[in-house]
Amino acid sequence: AAPLDSDQWRAQLQREVGARRASPRNVELEWGP
């Protein structure tokens, strides 16, 4: 419903799966309208 803070999203993912699995090379994000 509102713009997403990708840094917060990635930090939460890193807490769940660790740094390697949460890295931008492993999980790519694309935000669009």
Full PDB file with SEQRES, HELIX, SHEET, SSBOND, CRYST1, ORIGX, SCALE, CONECT and MASTER records, all heavy atoms in Angstrom:
SEQRES   1 A   33  ALA ALA PRO LEU ASP SER ASP GLN TRP ARG ALA GLN LEU          
SEQRES   2 A   33  GLN ARG GLU VAL GLY ALA ARG ARG ALA SER PRO ARG ASN          
SEQRES   3 A   33  VAL GLU LEU GLU TRP GLY PRO                                  
HELIX    1 AA1 SER A    6  VAL A   17  1                                  12    
HELIX    2 AA2 ALA A   19  ALA A   22  1                                   4    
CRYST1    1.000    1.000    1.000  90.00  90.00  90.00 P 1           1          
ORIGX1      1.000000  0.000000  0.000000        0.00000                         
ORIGX2      0.000000  1.000000  0.000000        0.00000                         
ORIGX3      0.000000  0.000000  1.000000        0.00000                         
SCALE1      1.000000  0.000000  0.000000        0.00000                         
SCALE2      0.000000  1.000000  0.000000        0.00000                         
SCALE3      0.000000  0.000000  1.000000        0.00000                         
ATOM      1  N   ALA A   1       0.818  -1.212   0.000  1.00  0.00           N  
ATOM      2  CA  ALA A   1       0.000   0.000   0.000  1.00  0.00           C  
ATOM      3  C   ALA A   1       0.852   1.262   0.000  1.00  0.00           C  
ATOM      4  O   ALA A   1       0.392   2.318  -0.406  1.00  0.00           O  
ATOM      5  CB  ALA A   1      -0.921   0.003   1.217  1.00  0.00           C  
ATOM      6  N   ALA A   2       2.089   1.161   0.460  1.00  0.00           N  
ATOM      7  CA  ALA A   2       2.993   2.316   0.536  1.00  0.00           C  
ATOM      8  C   ALA A   2       4.371   1.889   0.050  1.00  0.00           C  
ATOM      9  O   ALA A   2       4.666   0.694  -0.013  1.00  0.00           O  
ATOM     10  CB  ALA A   2       3.067   2.819   1.977  1.00  0.00           C  
ATOM     11  N   PRO A   3       5.219   2.833  -0.309  1.00  0.00           N  
ATOM     12  CA  PRO A   3       6.575   2.475  -0.740  1.00  0.00           C  
ATOM     13  C   PRO A   3       7.304   1.658   0.324  1.00  0.00           C  
ATOM     14  O   PRO A   3       7.123   1.851   1.524  1.00  0.00           O  
ATOM     15  CB  PRO A   3       7.256   3.825  -0.951  1.00  0.00           C  
ATOM     16  CG  PRO A   3       6.132   4.767  -1.225  1.00  0.00           C  
ATOM     17  CD  PRO A   3       4.980   4.272  -0.408  1.00  0.00           C  
ATOM     18  N   LEU A   4       8.115   0.748  -0.133  1.00  0.00           N  
ATOM     19  CA  LEU A   4       8.835  -0.177   0.741  1.00  0.00           C  
ATOM     20  C   LEU A   4      10.264   0.303   0.945  1.00  0.00           C  
ATOM     21  O   LEU A   4      10.922   0.736  -0.001  1.00  0.00           O  
ATOM     22  CB  LEU A   4       8.837  -1.570   0.091  1.00  0.00           C  
ATOM     23  CG  LEU A   4       9.546  -2.670   0.842  1.00  0.00           C  
ATOM     24  CD1 LEU A   4       8.756  -3.031   2.100  1.00  0.00           C  
ATOM     25  CD2 LEU A   4       9.674  -3.899  -0.042  1.00  0.00           C  
ATOM     26  N   ASP A   5      10.752   0.237   2.169  1.00  0.00           N  
ATOM     27  CA  ASP A   5      12.143   0.539   2.474  1.00  0.00           C  
ATOM     28  C   ASP A   5      12.958  -0.728   2.232  1.00  0.00           C  
ATOM     29  O   ASP A   5      12.904  -1.673   3.025  1.00  0.00           O  
ATOM     30  CB  ASP A   5      12.264   1.001   3.929  1.00  0.00           C  
ATOM     31  CG  ASP A   5      13.689   1.349   4.318  1.00  0.00           C  
ATOM     32  OD1 ASP A   5      14.599   1.243   3.474  1.00  0.00           O  
ATOM     33  OD2 ASP A   5      13.888   1.725   5.484  1.00  0.00           O  
ATOM     34  N   SER A   6      13.690  -0.766   1.130  1.00  0.00           N  
ATOM     35  CA  SER A   6      14.408  -1.989   0.762  1.00  0.00           C  
ATOM     36  C   SER A   6      15.517  -2.329   1.749  1.00  0.00           C  
ATOM     37  O   SER A   6      15.833  -3.504   1.940  1.00  0.00           O  
ATOM     38  CB  SER A   6      14.966  -1.884  -0.658  1.00  0.00           C  
ATOM     39  OG  SER A   6      15.901  -0.842  -0.742  1.00  0.00           O  
ATOM     40  N   ASP A   7      16.109  -1.320   2.406  1.00  0.00           N  
ATOM     41  CA  ASP A   7      17.144  -1.602   3.406  1.00  0.00           C  
ATOM     42  C   ASP A   7      16.545  -2.311   4.618  1.00  0.00           C  
ATOM     43  O   ASP A   7      17.134  -3.257   5.145  1.00  0.00           O  
ATOM     44  CB  ASP A   7      17.836  -0.309   3.845  1.00  0.00           C  
ATOM     45  CG  ASP A   7      18.666   0.305   2.733  1.00  0.00           C  
ATOM     46  OD1 ASP A   7      19.110  -0.432   1.825  1.00  0.00           O  
ATOM     47  OD2 ASP A   7      18.863   1.542   2.755  1.00  0.00           O  
ATOM     48  N   GLN A   8      15.376  -1.869   5.055  1.00  0.00           N  
ATOM     49  CA  GLN A   8      14.696  -2.528   6.168  1.00  0.00           C  
ATOM     50  C   GLN A   8      14.295  -3.950   5.767  1.00  0.00           C  
ATOM     51  O   GLN A   8      14.451  -4.887   6.540  1.00  0.00           O  
ATOM     52  CB  GLN A   8      13.457  -1.734   6.575  1.00  0.00           C  
ATOM     53  CG  GLN A   8      12.651  -2.392   7.673  1.00  0.00           C  
ATOM     54  CD  GLN A   8      11.300  -1.742   7.892  1.00  0.00           C  
ATOM     55  OE1 GLN A   8      10.879  -0.881   7.130  1.00  0.00           O  
ATOM     56  NE2 GLN A   8      10.595  -2.160   8.921  1.00  0.00           N  
ATOM     57  N   TRP A   9      13.788  -4.107   4.553  1.00  0.00           N  
ATOM     58  CA  TRP A   9      13.382  -5.417   4.063  1.00  0.00           C  
ATOM     59  C   TRP A   9      14.578  -6.376   4.041  1.00  0.00           C  
ATOM     60  O   TRP A   9      14.499  -7.495   4.527  1.00  0.00           O  
ATOM     61  CB  TRP A   9      12.785  -5.265   2.657  1.00  0.00           C  
ATOM     62  CG  TRP A   9      12.214  -6.516   2.105  1.00  0.00           C  
ATOM     63  CD1 TRP A   9      10.919  -6.931   2.179  1.00  0.00           C  
ATOM     64  CD2 TRP A   9      12.907  -7.532   1.371  1.00  0.00           C  
ATOM     65  NE1 TRP A   9      10.769  -8.138   1.548  1.00  0.00           N  
ATOM     66  CE2 TRP A   9      11.979  -8.530   1.039  1.00  0.00           C  
ATOM     67  CE3 TRP A   9      14.224  -7.696   0.968  1.00  0.00           C  
ATOM     68  CZ2 TRP A   9      12.327  -9.672   0.330  1.00  0.00           C  
ATOM     69  CZ3 TRP A   9      14.582  -8.841   0.259  1.00  0.00           C  
ATOM     70  CH2 TRP A   9      13.631  -9.811  -0.055  1.00  0.00           C  
ATOM     71  N   ARG A  10      15.702  -5.910   3.495  1.00  0.00           N  
ATOM     72  CA  ARG A  10      16.896  -6.755   3.396  1.00  0.00           C  
ATOM     73  C   ARG A  10      17.455  -7.079   4.789  1.00  0.00           C  
ATOM     74  O   ARG A  10      17.903  -8.190   5.027  1.00  0.00           O  
ATOM     75  CB  ARG A  10      17.946  -6.071   2.529  1.00  0.00           C  
ATOM     76  CG  ARG A  10      19.124  -6.919   2.318  1.00  0.00           C  
ATOM     77  CD  ARG A  10      19.506  -7.380   0.983  1.00  0.00           C  
ATOM     78  NE  ARG A  10      18.917  -6.917  -0.205  1.00  0.00           N  
ATOM     79  CZ  ARG A  10      18.528  -7.743  -1.160  1.00  0.00           C  
ATOM     80  NH1 ARG A  10      18.629  -9.042  -1.008  1.00  0.00           N  
ATOM     81  NH2 ARG A  10      18.031  -7.277  -2.275  1.00  0.00           N  
ATOM     82  N   ALA A  11      17.420  -6.115   5.720  1.00  0.00           N  
ATOM     83  CA  ALA A  11      17.908  -6.362   7.079  1.00  0.00           C  
ATOM     84  C   ALA A  11      17.056  -7.425   7.778  1.00  0.00           C  
ATOM     85  O   ALA A  11      17.583  -8.304   8.471  1.00  0.00           O  
ATOM     86  CB  ALA A  11      17.905  -5.065   7.878  1.00  0.00           C  
ATOM     87  N   GLN A  12      15.744  -7.358   7.584  1.00  0.00           N  
ATOM     88  CA  GLN A  12      14.876  -8.364   8.188  1.00  0.00           C  
ATOM     89  C   GLN A  12      15.110  -9.735   7.561  1.00  0.00           C  
ATOM     90  O   GLN A  12      15.133 -10.744   8.262  1.00  0.00           O  
ATOM     91  CB  GLN A  12      13.410  -7.959   8.064  1.00  0.00           C  
ATOM     92  CG  GLN A  12      12.497  -8.847   8.880  1.00  0.00           C  
ATOM     93  CD  GLN A  12      11.116  -8.258   9.057  1.00  0.00           C  
ATOM     94  OE1 GLN A  12      10.915  -7.054   8.928  1.00  0.00           O  
ATOM     95  NE2 GLN A  12      10.162  -9.098   9.366  1.00  0.00           N  
ATOM     96  N   LEU A  13      15.307  -9.777   6.249  1.00  0.00           N  
ATOM     97  CA  LEU A  13      15.605 -11.051   5.598  1.00  0.00           C  
ATOM     98  C   LEU A  13      16.933 -11.609   6.109  1.00  0.00           C  
ATOM     99  O   LEU A  13      17.054 -12.817   6.342  1.00  0.00           O  
ATOM    100  CB  LEU A  13      15.646 -10.888   4.076  1.00  0.00           C  
ATOM    101  CG  LEU A  13      15.937 -12.158   3.283  1.00  0.00           C  
ATOM    102  CD1 LEU A  13      14.845 -13.209   3.521  1.00  0.00           C  
ATOM    103  CD2 LEU A  13      16.068 -11.850   1.804  1.00  0.00           C  
ATOM    104  N   GLN A  14      17.909 -10.746   6.299  1.00  0.00           N  
ATOM    105  CA  GLN A  14      19.207 -11.197   6.807  1.00  0.00           C  
ATOM    106  C   GLN A  14      19.066 -11.785   8.212  1.00  0.00           C  
ATOM    107  O   GLN A  14      19.718 -12.776   8.533  1.00  0.00           O  
ATOM    108  CB  GLN A  14      20.201 -10.043   6.813  1.00  0.00           C  
ATOM    109  CG  GLN A  14      21.601 -10.479   7.177  1.00  0.00           C  
ATOM    110  CD  GLN A  14      22.612  -9.369   6.997  1.00  0.00           C  
ATOM    111  OE1 GLN A  14      22.318  -8.334   6.410  1.00  0.00           O  
ATOM    112  NE2 GLN A  14      23.797  -9.588   7.497  1.00  0.00           N  
ATOM    113  N   ARG A  15      18.203 -11.218   9.045  1.00  0.00           N  
ATOM    114  CA  ARG A  15      17.971 -11.788  10.374  1.00  0.00           C  
ATOM    115  C   ARG A  15      17.323 -13.166  10.278  1.00  0.00           C  
ATOM    116  O   ARG A  15      17.527 -14.019  11.132  1.00  0.00           O  
ATOM    117  CB  ARG A  15      17.091 -10.859  11.207  1.00  0.00           C  
ATOM    118  CG  ARG A  15      17.833  -9.640  11.738  1.00  0.00           C  
ATOM    119  CD  ARG A  15      17.007  -8.862  12.752  1.00  0.00           C  
ATOM    120  NE  ARG A  15      15.807  -8.260  12.199  1.00  0.00           N  
ATOM    121  CZ  ARG A  15      15.758  -7.080  11.602  1.00  0.00           C  
ATOM    122  NH1 ARG A  15      16.851  -6.361  11.466  1.00  0.00           N  
ATOM    123  NH2 ARG A  15      14.618  -6.599  11.141  1.00  0.00           N  
ATOM    124  N   GLU A  16      16.539 -13.385   9.237  1.00  0.00           N  
ATOM    125  CA  GLU A  16      15.867 -14.680   9.062  1.00  0.00           C  
ATOM    126  C   GLU A  16      16.796 -15.764   8.507  1.00  0.00           C  
ATOM    127  O   GLU A  16      16.790 -16.887   8.994  1.00  0.00           O  
ATOM    128  CB  GLU A  16      14.670 -14.538   8.115  1.00  0.00           C  
ATOM    129  CG  GLU A  16      13.521 -13.754   8.670  1.00  0.00           C  
ATOM    130  CD  GLU A  16      12.643 -14.547   9.635  1.00  0.00           C  
ATOM    131  OE1 GLU A  16      12.649 -15.786   9.586  1.00  0.00           O  
ATOM    132  OE2 GLU A  16      11.957 -13.907  10.429  1.00  0.00           O  
ATOM    133  N   VAL A  17      17.566 -15.429   7.471  1.00  0.00           N  
ATOM    134  CA  VAL A  17      18.322 -16.468   6.755  1.00  0.00           C  
ATOM    135  C   VAL A  17      19.829 -16.299   6.781  1.00  0.00           C  
ATOM    136  O   VAL A  17      20.548 -17.149   6.264  1.00  0.00           O  
ATOM    137  CB  VAL A  17      17.860 -16.588   5.286  1.00  0.00           C  
ATOM    138  CG1 VAL A  17      16.428 -17.038   5.200  1.00  0.00           C  
ATOM    139  CG2 VAL A  17      18.094 -15.306   4.517  1.00  0.00           C  
ATOM    140  N   GLY A  18      20.338 -15.209   7.328  1.00  0.00           N  
ATOM    141  CA  GLY A  18      21.779 -14.991   7.344  1.00  0.00           C  
ATOM    142  C   GLY A  18      22.224 -14.127   6.170  1.00  0.00           C  
ATOM    143  O   GLY A  18      21.483 -13.919   5.204  1.00  0.00           O  
ATOM    144  N   ALA A  19      23.455 -13.649   6.262  1.00  0.00           N  
ATOM    145  CA  ALA A  19      23.972 -12.681   5.284  1.00  0.00           C  
ATOM    146  C   ALA A  19      24.118 -13.266   3.885  1.00  0.00           C  
ATOM    147  O   ALA A  19      23.812 -12.605   2.893  1.00  0.00           O  
ATOM    148  CB  ALA A  19      25.313 -12.139   5.770  1.00  0.00           C  
ATOM    149  N   ARG A  20      24.590 -14.491   3.762  1.00  0.00           N  
ATOM    150  CA  ARG A  20      24.830 -15.058   2.431  1.00  0.00           C  
ATOM    151  C   ARG A  20      23.522 -15.263   1.663  1.00  0.00           C  
ATOM    152  O   ARG A  20      23.395 -14.866   0.512  1.00  0.00           O  
ATOM    153  CB  ARG A  20      25.575 -16.387   2.533  1.00  0.00           C  
ATOM    154  CG  ARG A  20      25.951 -16.952   1.168  1.00  0.00           C  
ATOM    155  CD  ARG A  20      26.632 -18.300   1.275  1.00  0.00           C  
ATOM    156  NE  ARG A  20      25.765 -19.333   1.795  1.00  0.00           N  
ATOM    157  CZ  ARG A  20      24.874 -20.002   1.069  1.00  0.00           C  
ATOM    158  NH1 ARG A  20      24.713 -19.738  -0.205  1.00  0.00           N  
ATOM    159  NH2 ARG A  20      24.134 -20.938   1.610  1.00  0.00           N  
ATOM    160  N   ARG A  21      22.543 -15.857   2.290  1.00  0.00           N  
ATOM    161  CA  ARG A  21      21.271 -16.111   1.602  1.00  0.00           C  
ATOM    162  C   ARG A  21      20.492 -14.819   1.339  1.00  0.00           C  
ATOM    163  O   ARG A  21      19.673 -14.780   0.434  1.00  0.00           O  
ATOM    164  CB  ARG A  21      20.400 -17.062   2.412  1.00  0.00           C  
ATOM    165  CG  ARG A  21      20.846 -18.497   2.319  1.00  0.00           C  
ATOM    166  CD  ARG A  21      19.768 -19.410   2.886  1.00  0.00           C  
ATOM    167  NE  ARG A  21      20.232 -20.763   3.028  1.00  0.00           N  
ATOM    168  CZ  ARG A  21      20.132 -21.684   2.088  1.00  0.00           C  
ATOM    169  NH1 ARG A  21      19.583 -21.387   0.939  1.00  0.00           N  
ATOM    170  NH2 ARG A  21      20.578 -22.897   2.295  1.00  0.00           N  
ATOM    171  N   ALA A  22      20.735 -13.777   2.132  1.00  0.00           N  
ATOM    172  CA  ALA A  22      20.001 -12.517   1.969  1.00  0.00           C  
ATOM    173  C   ALA A  22      20.719 -11.518   1.070  1.00  0.00           C  
ATOM    174  O   ALA A  22      20.219 -10.429   0.843  1.00  0.00           O  
ATOM    175  CB  ALA A  22      19.760 -11.883   3.334  1.00  0.00           C  
ATOM    176  N   SER A  23      21.862 -11.879   0.538  1.00  0.00           N  
ATOM    177  CA  SER A  23      22.647 -10.930  -0.262  1.00  0.00           C  
ATOM    178  C   SER A  23      21.908 -10.548  -1.544  1.00  0.00           C  
ATOM    179  O   SER A  23      21.104 -11.322  -2.070  1.00  0.00           O  
ATOM    180  CB  SER A  23      24.007 -11.526  -0.607  1.00  0.00           C  
ATOM    181  OG  SER A  23      23.872 -12.496  -1.616  1.00  0.00           O  
ATOM    182  N   PRO A  24      22.193  -9.367  -2.081  1.00  0.00           N  
ATOM    183  CA  PRO A  24      21.549  -8.940  -3.333  1.00  0.00           C  
ATOM    184  C   PRO A  24      21.871  -9.857  -4.521  1.00  0.00           C  
ATOM    185  O   PRO A  24      21.099  -9.928  -5.461  1.00  0.00           O  
ATOM    186  CB  PRO A  24      22.116  -7.539  -3.566  1.00  0.00           C  
ATOM    187  CG  PRO A  24      22.504  -7.057  -2.220  1.00  0.00           C  
ATOM    188  CD  PRO A  24      22.957  -8.277  -1.467  1.00  0.00           C  
ATOM    189  N   ARG A  25      22.985 -10.559  -4.465  1.00  0.00           N  
ATOM    190  CA  ARG A  25      23.305 -11.514  -5.538  1.00  0.00           C  
ATOM    191  C   ARG A  25      22.435 -12.760  -5.468  1.00  0.00           C  
ATOM    192  O   ARG A  25      22.222 -13.438  -6.457  1.00  0.00           O  
ATOM    193  CB  ARG A  25      24.770 -11.935  -5.468  1.00  0.00           C  
ATOM    194  CG  ARG A  25      25.727 -10.867  -5.889  1.00  0.00           C  
ATOM    195  CD  ARG A  25      27.146 -11.400  -5.843  1.00  0.00           C  
ATOM    196  NE  ARG A  25      27.308 -12.564  -6.690  1.00  0.00           N  
ATOM    197  CZ  ARG A  25      27.978 -12.576  -7.831  1.00  0.00           C  
ATOM    198  NH1 ARG A  25      28.535 -11.476  -8.254  1.00  0.00           N  
ATOM    199  NH2 ARG A  25      28.094 -13.674  -8.532  1.00  0.00           N  
ATOM    200  N   ASN A  26      21.926 -13.056  -4.279  1.00  0.00           N  
ATOM    201  CA  ASN A  26      21.130 -14.264  -4.081  1.00  0.00           C  
ATOM    202  C   ASN A  26      19.627 -13.988  -4.175  1.00  0.00           C  
ATOM    203  O   ASN A  26      18.872 -14.828  -4.651  1.00  0.00           O  
ATOM    204  CB  ASN A  26      21.468 -14.891  -2.728  1.00  0.00           C  
ATOM    205  CG  ASN A  26      21.021 -16.323  -2.624  1.00  0.00           C  
ATOM    206  OD1 ASN A  26      20.998 -17.047  -3.598  1.00  0.00           O  
ATOM    207  ND2 ASN A  26      20.666 -16.736  -1.433  1.00  0.00           N  
ATOM    208  N   VAL A  27      19.196 -12.822  -3.687  1.00  0.00           N  
ATOM    209  CA  VAL A  27      17.782 -12.434  -3.730  1.00  0.00           C  
ATOM    210  C   VAL A  27      17.711 -11.046  -4.363  1.00  0.00           C  
ATOM    211  O   VAL A  27      18.185 -10.078  -3.791  1.00  0.00           O  
ATOM    212  CB  VAL A  27      17.164 -12.405  -2.313  1.00  0.00           C  
ATOM    213  CG1 VAL A  27      15.718 -11.960  -2.385  1.00  0.00           C  
ATOM    214  CG2 VAL A  27      17.282 -13.754  -1.635  1.00  0.00           C  
ATOM    215  N   GLU A  28      17.133 -10.985  -5.549  1.00  0.00           N  
ATOM    216  CA  GLU A  28      17.022  -9.717  -6.271  1.00  0.00           C  
ATOM    217  C   GLU A  28      15.642  -9.110  -6.037  1.00  0.00           C  
ATOM    218  O   GLU A  28      14.646  -9.833  -5.969  1.00  0.00           O  
ATOM    219  CB  GLU A  28      17.218  -9.941  -7.763  1.00  0.00           C  
ATOM    220  CG  GLU A  28      18.578 -10.498  -8.122  1.00  0.00           C  
ATOM    221  CD  GLU A  28      18.699 -10.800  -9.611  1.00  0.00           C  
ATOM    222  OE1 GLU A  28      18.043 -10.100 -10.415  1.00  0.00           O  
ATOM    223  OE2 GLU A  28      19.425 -11.731  -9.944  1.00  0.00           O  
ATOM    224  N   LEU A  29      15.608  -7.791  -5.939  1.00  0.00           N  
ATOM    225  CA  LEU A  29      14.354  -7.064  -5.750  1.00  0.00           C  
ATOM    226  C   LEU A  29      14.120  -6.121  -6.915  1.00  0.00           C  
ATOM    227  O   LEU A  29      15.053  -5.507  -7.415  1.00  0.00           O  
ATOM    228  CB  LEU A  29      14.407  -6.215  -4.478  1.00  0.00           C  
ATOM    229  CG  LEU A  29      14.587  -6.925  -3.155  1.00  0.00           C  
ATOM    230  CD1 LEU A  29      14.648  -5.905  -2.035  1.00  0.00           C  
ATOM    231  CD2 LEU A  29      13.463  -7.902  -2.922  1.00  0.00           C  
ATOM    232  N   GLU A  30      12.868  -6.017  -7.308  1.00  0.00           N  
ATOM    233  CA  GLU A  30      12.456  -5.025  -8.301  1.00  0.00           C  
ATOM    234  C   GLU A  30      11.209  -4.352  -7.778  1.00  0.00           C  
ATOM    235  O   GLU A  30      10.226  -5.012  -7.469  1.00  0.00           O  
ATOM    236  CB  GLU A  30      12.118  -5.712  -9.630  1.00  0.00           C  
ATOM    237  CG  GLU A  30      13.208  -5.669 -10.640  1.00  0.00           C  
ATOM    238  CD  GLU A  30      12.742  -6.240 -11.963  1.00  0.00           C  
ATOM    239  OE1 GLU A  30      11.710  -5.789 -12.495  1.00  0.00           O  
ATOM    240  OE2 GLU A  30      13.416  -7.146 -12.444  1.00  0.00           O  
ATOM    241  N   TRP A  31      11.250  -3.035  -7.653  1.00  0.00           N  
ATOM    242  CA  TRP A  31      10.095  -2.272  -7.184  1.00  0.00           C  
ATOM    243  C   TRP A  31       9.509  -1.516  -8.354  1.00  0.00           C  
ATOM    244  O   TRP A  31      10.230  -0.915  -9.137  1.00  0.00           O  
ATOM    245  CB  TRP A  31      10.528  -1.294  -6.089  1.00  0.00           C  
ATOM    246  CG  TRP A  31       9.407  -0.454  -5.585  1.00  0.00           C  
ATOM    247  CD1 TRP A  31       9.130   0.822  -5.963  1.00  0.00           C  
ATOM    248  CD2 TRP A  31       8.411  -0.814  -4.652  1.00  0.00           C  
ATOM    249  NE1 TRP A  31       8.011   1.273  -5.303  1.00  0.00           N  
ATOM    250  CE2 TRP A  31       7.552   0.281  -4.492  1.00  0.00           C  
ATOM    251  CE3 TRP A  31       8.134  -1.976  -3.930  1.00  0.00           C  
ATOM    252  CZ2 TRP A  31       6.452   0.278  -3.636  1.00  0.00           C  
ATOM    253  CZ3 TRP A  31       7.046  -1.989  -3.085  1.00  0.00           C  
ATOM    254  CH2 TRP A  31       6.225  -0.878  -2.941  1.00  0.00           C  
ATOM    255  N   GLY A  32       8.204  -1.558  -8.499  1.00  0.00           N  
ATOM    256  CA  GLY A  32       7.563  -0.832  -9.579  1.00  0.00           C  
ATOM    257  C   GLY A  32       6.206  -0.329  -9.152  1.00  0.00           C  
ATOM    258  O   GLY A  32       5.664  -0.738  -8.128  1.00  0.00           O  
ATOM    259  N   PRO A  33       5.648   0.583  -9.938  1.00  0.00           N  
ATOM    260  CA  PRO A  33       4.302   1.086  -9.619  1.00  0.00           C  
ATOM    261  C   PRO A  33       3.275  -0.031  -9.795  1.00  0.00           C  
ATOM    262  O   PRO A  33       3.457  -0.949 -10.577  1.00  0.00           O  
ATOM    263  CB  PRO A  33       4.086   2.207 -10.632  1.00  0.00           C  
ATOM    264  CG  PRO A  33       5.015   1.896 -11.747  1.00  0.00           C  
ATOM    265  CD  PRO A  33       6.189   1.165 -11.153  1.00  0.00           C  
TER     266      PRO A  33                                                      
MASTER        0    0    0    2    0    0    0    6  265    1    0    3          
END                                                                             
